[in-house]
Protein backbone atom coordinates (compact mmCIF):
# COMPACT_ATOMS: atom_id res chain seq x y z
CA MET A 1 27.23 10.72 -35.00
CA LEU A 2 26.53 8.70 -31.86
CA GLY A 3 29.48 7.69 -29.62
CA SER A 4 30.45 4.10 -30.21
CA ASP A 5 29.62 2.99 -26.69
CA PHE A 6 26.32 4.90 -26.32
CA GLN A 7 24.04 1.92 -27.18
CA ALA A 8 25.87 -0.29 -24.79
CA ARG A 9 25.74 2.26 -21.99
CA LEU A 10 22.01 2.77 -22.57
CA ALA A 11 21.40 -0.91 -22.41
CA ALA A 12 23.52 -1.35 -19.30
CA GLN A 13 21.89 1.60 -17.39
CA SER A 14 18.39 0.45 -18.46
CA ARG A 15 19.14 -3.02 -17.12
CA LEU A 16 20.34 -1.52 -13.85
CA VAL A 17 16.98 0.25 -13.43
CA ASP A 18 15.10 -2.86 -14.58
CA ASP A 19 16.88 -4.97 -11.95
CA PHE A 20 16.20 -2.30 -9.31
CA LEU A 21 12.48 -2.37 -10.18
CA THR A 22 12.35 -6.17 -10.29
CA GLU A 23 13.72 -6.37 -6.76
CA ALA A 24 11.56 -3.56 -5.47
CA LEU A 25 8.32 -4.90 -6.98
CA ALA A 26 8.93 -8.51 -5.76
CA ARG A 27 7.48 -7.66 -2.36
CA PHE A 28 4.06 -7.13 -3.84
CA GLY A 29 3.56 -10.90 -4.36
CA ASN A 30 2.10 -12.58 -7.39
CA ASP A 31 -1.59 -11.62 -7.76
CA ASP A 32 -2.85 -10.22 -11.02
CA VAL A 33 -2.18 -6.57 -10.14
CA ALA A 34 1.42 -7.29 -9.02
CA GLN A 35 2.08 -9.37 -12.18
CA ALA A 36 0.62 -6.51 -14.31
CA MET A 37 2.87 -3.96 -12.56
CA ARG A 38 5.96 -5.96 -13.38
CA TYR A 39 4.79 -6.61 -16.92
CA ALA A 40 4.31 -2.89 -17.55
CA VAL A 41 7.67 -1.63 -16.24
CA HIS A 42 9.80 -3.89 -18.46
CA GLY A 43 10.54 -3.90 -22.15
CA GLY A 44 10.81 -0.20 -22.89
CA LYS A 45 13.83 1.99 -23.81
CA GLY A 46 14.31 3.25 -20.25
CA LEU A 47 15.18 6.74 -21.45
CA ARG A 48 13.88 8.53 -18.43
CA GLY A 49 15.69 6.37 -15.96
CA PHE A 50 18.80 6.56 -18.11
CA LEU A 51 18.63 10.38 -18.28
CA LEU A 52 18.34 10.55 -14.49
CA LEU A 53 21.32 8.35 -13.88
CA GLU A 54 23.51 10.19 -16.42
CA ALA A 55 22.42 13.61 -15.24
CA SER A 56 23.19 12.63 -11.65
CA ALA A 57 26.55 11.32 -12.69
CA LEU A 58 27.46 14.89 -13.96
CA TYR A 59 27.04 16.05 -10.33
CA ALA A 60 28.80 12.95 -8.88
CA VAL A 61 25.62 11.86 -7.09
CA PRO A 62 26.20 8.20 -5.97
CA GLN A 63 24.26 5.78 -8.16
CA GLU A 64 22.55 4.06 -5.24
CA ARG A 65 20.79 7.36 -4.42
CA ALA A 66 19.85 8.18 -8.01
CA LEU A 67 18.45 4.69 -8.63
CA TYR A 68 15.39 5.32 -6.44
CA ALA A 69 14.46 8.35 -8.49
CA ALA A 70 15.21 6.56 -11.81
CA GLY A 71 12.88 3.74 -10.65
CA ALA A 72 10.22 6.20 -9.65
CA VAL A 73 10.10 7.99 -12.99
CA GLU A 74 10.03 4.70 -14.90
CA ALA A 75 7.12 3.53 -12.71
CA ILE A 76 5.21 6.71 -13.42
CA HIS A 77 5.92 6.42 -17.11
CA ALA A 78 4.68 2.81 -17.09
CA TYR A 79 1.50 3.80 -15.25
CA SER A 80 0.87 6.54 -17.79
CA LEU A 81 1.19 4.09 -20.69
CA ILE A 82 -1.20 1.60 -19.07
CA HIS A 83 -3.86 4.20 -18.74
CA ASP A 84 -3.12 5.86 -22.09
CA ASP A 85 -3.64 2.50 -23.86
CA LEU A 86 -7.15 1.96 -22.34
CA PRO A 87 -10.22 1.91 -24.56
CA CYS A 88 -11.40 5.17 -22.94
CA MET A 89 -8.18 6.87 -23.94
CA ASP A 90 -6.15 5.88 -27.04
CA ASP A 91 -7.51 2.32 -27.23
CA ASP A 92 -4.32 0.51 -28.17
CA ASP A 93 -3.83 -3.29 -28.33
CA LEU A 94 -0.04 -3.30 -28.60
CA ARG A 95 2.73 -1.69 -26.49
CA ARG A 96 6.42 -2.52 -26.65
CA GLY A 97 5.71 -5.37 -28.98
CA GLN A 98 3.39 -7.09 -26.48
CA PRO A 99 -0.36 -6.99 -25.70
CA THR A 100 -1.29 -3.90 -23.72
CA VAL A 101 -2.03 -4.57 -20.05
CA HIS A 102 -5.83 -4.42 -20.49
CA LYS A 103 -5.55 -6.97 -23.27
CA GLN A 104 -3.25 -9.28 -21.27
CA TRP A 105 -5.55 -9.07 -18.27
CA ASN A 106 -8.61 -6.84 -18.34
CA GLU A 107 -9.55 -3.15 -17.97
CA ALA A 108 -10.02 -3.35 -14.19
CA ILE A 109 -6.61 -4.87 -13.60
CA ALA A 110 -5.04 -2.36 -15.93
CA VAL A 111 -6.58 0.57 -14.03
CA LEU A 112 -5.49 -0.87 -10.69
CA ALA A 113 -2.00 -1.73 -11.90
CA GLY A 114 -1.54 1.82 -13.14
CA ASP A 115 -2.84 3.20 -9.87
CA ALA A 116 -0.48 0.99 -7.91
CA LEU A 117 2.52 1.97 -9.99
CA GLN A 118 1.81 5.64 -9.42
CA SER A 119 1.67 5.04 -5.62
CA PHE A 120 4.77 2.87 -5.77
CA ALA A 121 6.76 5.67 -7.43
CA PHE A 122 6.08 8.04 -4.47
CA GLU A 123 6.84 5.28 -2.06
CA LEU A 124 10.31 4.89 -3.64
CA MET A 125 10.84 8.68 -3.17
CA THR A 126 10.59 8.21 0.64
CA ALA A 127 13.61 5.95 0.84
CA LYS A 128 16.23 7.31 3.28
CA THR A 129 18.99 6.18 0.89
CA ILE A 130 18.05 9.17 -1.32
CA GLY A 131 19.19 11.68 1.20
CA PRO A 132 17.88 14.15 3.79
CA ALA A 133 14.16 14.79 4.17
CA ASP A 134 14.21 18.13 2.38
CA ILE A 135 15.66 16.54 -0.71
CA ARG A 136 13.08 13.76 -0.62
CA ILE A 137 10.21 16.24 -0.13
CA ALA A 138 11.51 18.29 -3.07
CA LEU A 139 11.65 15.22 -5.35
CA VAL A 140 8.14 14.17 -4.34
CA ALA A 141 6.75 17.62 -4.93
CA SER A 142 8.45 18.10 -8.34
CA LEU A 143 7.49 14.63 -9.56
CA ALA A 144 3.81 15.12 -8.52
CA GLU A 145 3.79 18.41 -10.47
CA ALA A 146 5.37 16.85 -13.55
CA ALA A 147 3.04 13.88 -13.54
CA GLY A 148 -0.14 15.66 -12.51
CA ALA A 149 -2.72 18.22 -13.59
CA ARG A 150 -0.07 20.87 -14.43
CA GLY A 151 2.09 18.37 -16.41
CA MET A 152 1.53 14.96 -17.99
CA VAL A 153 -2.17 14.60 -17.01
CA LEU A 154 -2.86 18.14 -18.30
CA GLY A 155 -1.25 17.17 -21.61
CA GLN A 156 -3.29 14.03 -21.93
CA ALA A 157 -6.47 16.03 -21.27
CA GLN A 158 -5.44 18.57 -23.87
CA ASP A 159 -4.84 15.72 -26.31
CA ILE A 160 -8.30 14.23 -25.75
CA ALA A 161 -9.93 17.62 -26.05
CA ALA A 162 -8.12 18.23 -29.32
CA GLU A 163 -9.77 15.09 -30.84
CA THR A 164 -13.29 16.74 -30.69
CA ALA A 165 -12.28 20.33 -31.17
CA ASP A 166 -13.94 22.19 -34.05
CA THR A 167 -10.62 23.56 -35.36
CA ALA A 168 -7.16 21.90 -35.63
CA LEU A 169 -4.52 22.91 -33.06
CA THR A 170 -1.95 25.54 -33.96
CA LEU A 171 1.80 24.85 -33.76
CA ALA A 172 1.90 26.78 -30.44
CA GLN A 173 -0.92 24.70 -28.98
CA ILE A 174 0.63 21.39 -30.06
CA THR A 175 3.93 22.48 -28.60
CA GLU A 176 2.27 23.31 -25.25
CA LEU A 177 0.32 20.05 -25.34
CA GLN A 178 3.33 17.90 -25.99
CA SER A 179 5.54 19.84 -23.54
CA ASN A 180 3.03 18.65 -20.92
CA LYS A 181 2.10 15.19 -22.13
CA THR A 182 5.50 13.94 -23.12
CA GLY A 183 8.02 16.66 -22.14
CA ALA A 184 7.13 16.86 -18.40
CA LEU A 185 8.33 13.44 -17.61
CA LEU A 186 11.43 13.81 -19.77
CA GLU A 187 12.26 17.11 -18.06
CA TRP A 188 11.83 15.81 -14.51
CA PRO A 189 14.81 13.48 -14.48
CA ALA A 190 17.14 16.38 -15.21
CA HIS A 191 15.49 18.51 -12.51
CA ALA A 192 15.66 15.57 -10.08
CA ALA A 193 19.44 15.15 -10.63
CA ALA A 194 20.02 18.76 -9.75
CA ILE A 195 17.81 18.36 -6.65
CA LEU A 196 19.80 15.35 -5.56
CA ALA A 197 23.00 17.31 -5.95
CA GLY A 198 21.73 20.55 -4.42
CA GLN A 199 22.53 22.39 -7.63
CA ASP A 200 20.80 24.90 -9.97
CA PRO A 201 18.47 22.91 -12.29
CA ALA A 202 18.36 25.53 -15.04
CA PRO A 203 21.06 24.24 -17.46
CA LEU A 204 19.79 20.62 -17.41
CA ARG A 205 16.13 21.68 -17.48
CA THR A 206 16.85 23.64 -20.69
CA TYR A 207 18.48 20.47 -22.12
CA ALA A 208 15.65 18.25 -21.07
CA ARG A 209 12.90 20.59 -22.32
CA ALA A 210 14.54 20.58 -25.79
CA ILE A 211 14.94 16.84 -26.02
CA GLY A 212 11.38 16.36 -24.72
CA LEU A 213 9.99 18.23 -27.73
CA ALA A 214 12.45 16.60 -30.08
CA PHE A 215 11.31 13.18 -28.76
CA GLN A 216 7.69 13.99 -29.66
CA ILE A 217 8.60 15.33 -33.06
CA ALA A 218 10.54 12.17 -33.70
CA ASP A 219 7.49 10.12 -32.64
CA ASP A 220 5.34 12.06 -35.13
CA ILE A 221 7.88 11.33 -37.84
CA LEU A 222 7.96 7.65 -36.93
CA ASP A 223 4.15 7.55 -37.08
CA VAL A 224 4.54 8.47 -40.78
CA GLU A 225 7.76 6.71 -41.73
CA GLY A 226 8.22 4.02 -39.07
CA ASP A 227 7.83 0.25 -39.10
CA SER A 228 5.23 -0.97 -36.60
CA GLY A 229 7.18 -4.12 -36.07
CA LYS A 230 10.17 -2.19 -34.79
CA ALA A 231 8.10 0.44 -33.02
CA GLY A 232 6.25 -2.35 -31.10
CA LYS A 233 2.98 -0.45 -31.38
CA ALA A 234 0.32 0.59 -33.96
CA LEU A 235 1.42 3.44 -36.28
CA ARG A 236 -0.48 5.84 -38.60
CA LYS A 237 -3.22 6.31 -35.95
CA ASP A 238 -2.75 10.02 -35.82
CA ALA A 239 -3.14 10.39 -39.56
CA ASP A 240 -6.14 8.07 -39.61
CA ALA A 241 -7.80 10.18 -36.90
CA GLY A 242 -7.00 13.42 -38.66
CA LYS A 243 -5.08 14.74 -35.67
CA ALA A 244 -2.78 17.74 -36.03
CA THR A 245 0.87 16.81 -35.34
CA PHE A 246 4.19 18.45 -35.87
CA VAL A 247 4.37 16.68 -39.24
CA THR A 248 0.96 17.82 -40.43
CA LEU A 249 1.80 21.45 -39.48
CA LEU A 250 5.44 21.59 -40.47
CA GLY A 251 5.64 18.94 -43.15
CA LEU A 252 7.95 15.96 -42.93
CA ASP A 253 11.13 17.94 -43.84
CA GLY A 254 10.16 20.85 -41.64
CA ALA A 255 9.54 18.48 -38.67
CA LYS A 256 12.95 16.89 -39.17
CA SER A 257 14.57 20.33 -39.30
CA GLU A 258 12.88 21.44 -36.12
CA ALA A 259 13.93 18.21 -34.30
CA ALA A 260 17.51 18.82 -35.42
CA ARG A 261 17.31 22.42 -34.16
CA LEU A 262 16.07 21.25 -30.76
CA VAL A 263 18.95 18.76 -30.51
CA ALA A 264 21.43 21.56 -31.22
CA GLU A 265 19.74 23.67 -28.50
CA ALA A 266 20.02 20.71 -26.10
CA GLU A 267 23.75 20.29 -26.88
CA THR A 268 24.36 23.99 -26.37
CA ALA A 269 22.73 23.82 -22.87
CA LEU A 270 25.34 21.21 -21.87
CA ALA A 271 28.36 23.47 -22.62
CA PRO A 272 28.97 24.24 -18.94
CA PHE A 273 29.58 20.48 -18.31
CA GLY A 274 32.19 20.07 -21.04
CA ASP A 275 33.25 16.54 -22.01
CA LYS A 276 31.50 15.05 -18.99
CA ALA A 277 28.20 15.51 -20.77
CA GLU A 278 29.05 13.62 -23.98
CA THR A 279 26.62 10.79 -23.12
CA LEU A 280 23.84 13.26 -22.77
CA ARG A 281 24.77 14.76 -26.07
CA ASP A 282 24.60 11.27 -27.51
CA LEU A 283 21.16 10.79 -25.96
CA ALA A 284 19.86 13.93 -27.71
CA ARG A 285 21.14 12.67 -31.05
CA PHE A 286 19.73 9.17 -30.35
CA ILE A 287 16.20 10.60 -29.73
CA ILE A 288 15.89 11.77 -33.31
CA ALA A 289 17.76 8.90 -34.86
CA ARG A 290 15.84 6.02 -33.26
CA ASP A 291 13.53 3.75 -35.18
CA ARG A 292 11.12 2.96 -32.32
């Protein structure tokens, strides 16, 4: 059962990151690329930024320091969605209930806006407000790894390769793929919070790794059971394409059981933080209870 104030806290923290990004992106002016950048960062759930702020709060990291990292991970996430939606990738027309960036503008603007958001994320990581240079360098290096060819980009490449593979992926292969494609950017906020605080990232990384996989399993379940109006994007595409997913391999009930097991694993990882981590426990439960 979710805490009664969880939705309100999620909304408030997400607005905080949104407002931060609105102010930070204002300096880019009003050409098509700048407009597309702002269009892409707004309207989502804001889970990655929320996780970073809440994880940082566990360590008493001042919010003004954590906001830069929260804005950076949301910018990277937005860039990834812009590119993921392109015709050469997943070819989607709808994202967050609105036309995708290449539909709202064109493919060239979409590519450039994604590129610009990626650069912008690393620009944010150079802000002196974050802390000493060694902390900023560690954040840059870890975000580059999570977003790059050993993380999110690798997962996207594995996903594309799977579409033309002669045999369907095994459960182990799908788990690896999704740990890279979706999980890496959900794991990074927890790692970043520990970097900001100068603490061991292991407990929170275990938590974040578990919720990252649970998130993808929940997405696979929503692709079967969800409402496209609530989801704000096209559903049933995986089934139509014959792609192997957690649902096709585990069955609907099996996928739900595995998601619940991962949430329990995530909650166990938070034990060292006691009651201070209740919002993060609620986040883990929310991930598999959401309808979009």
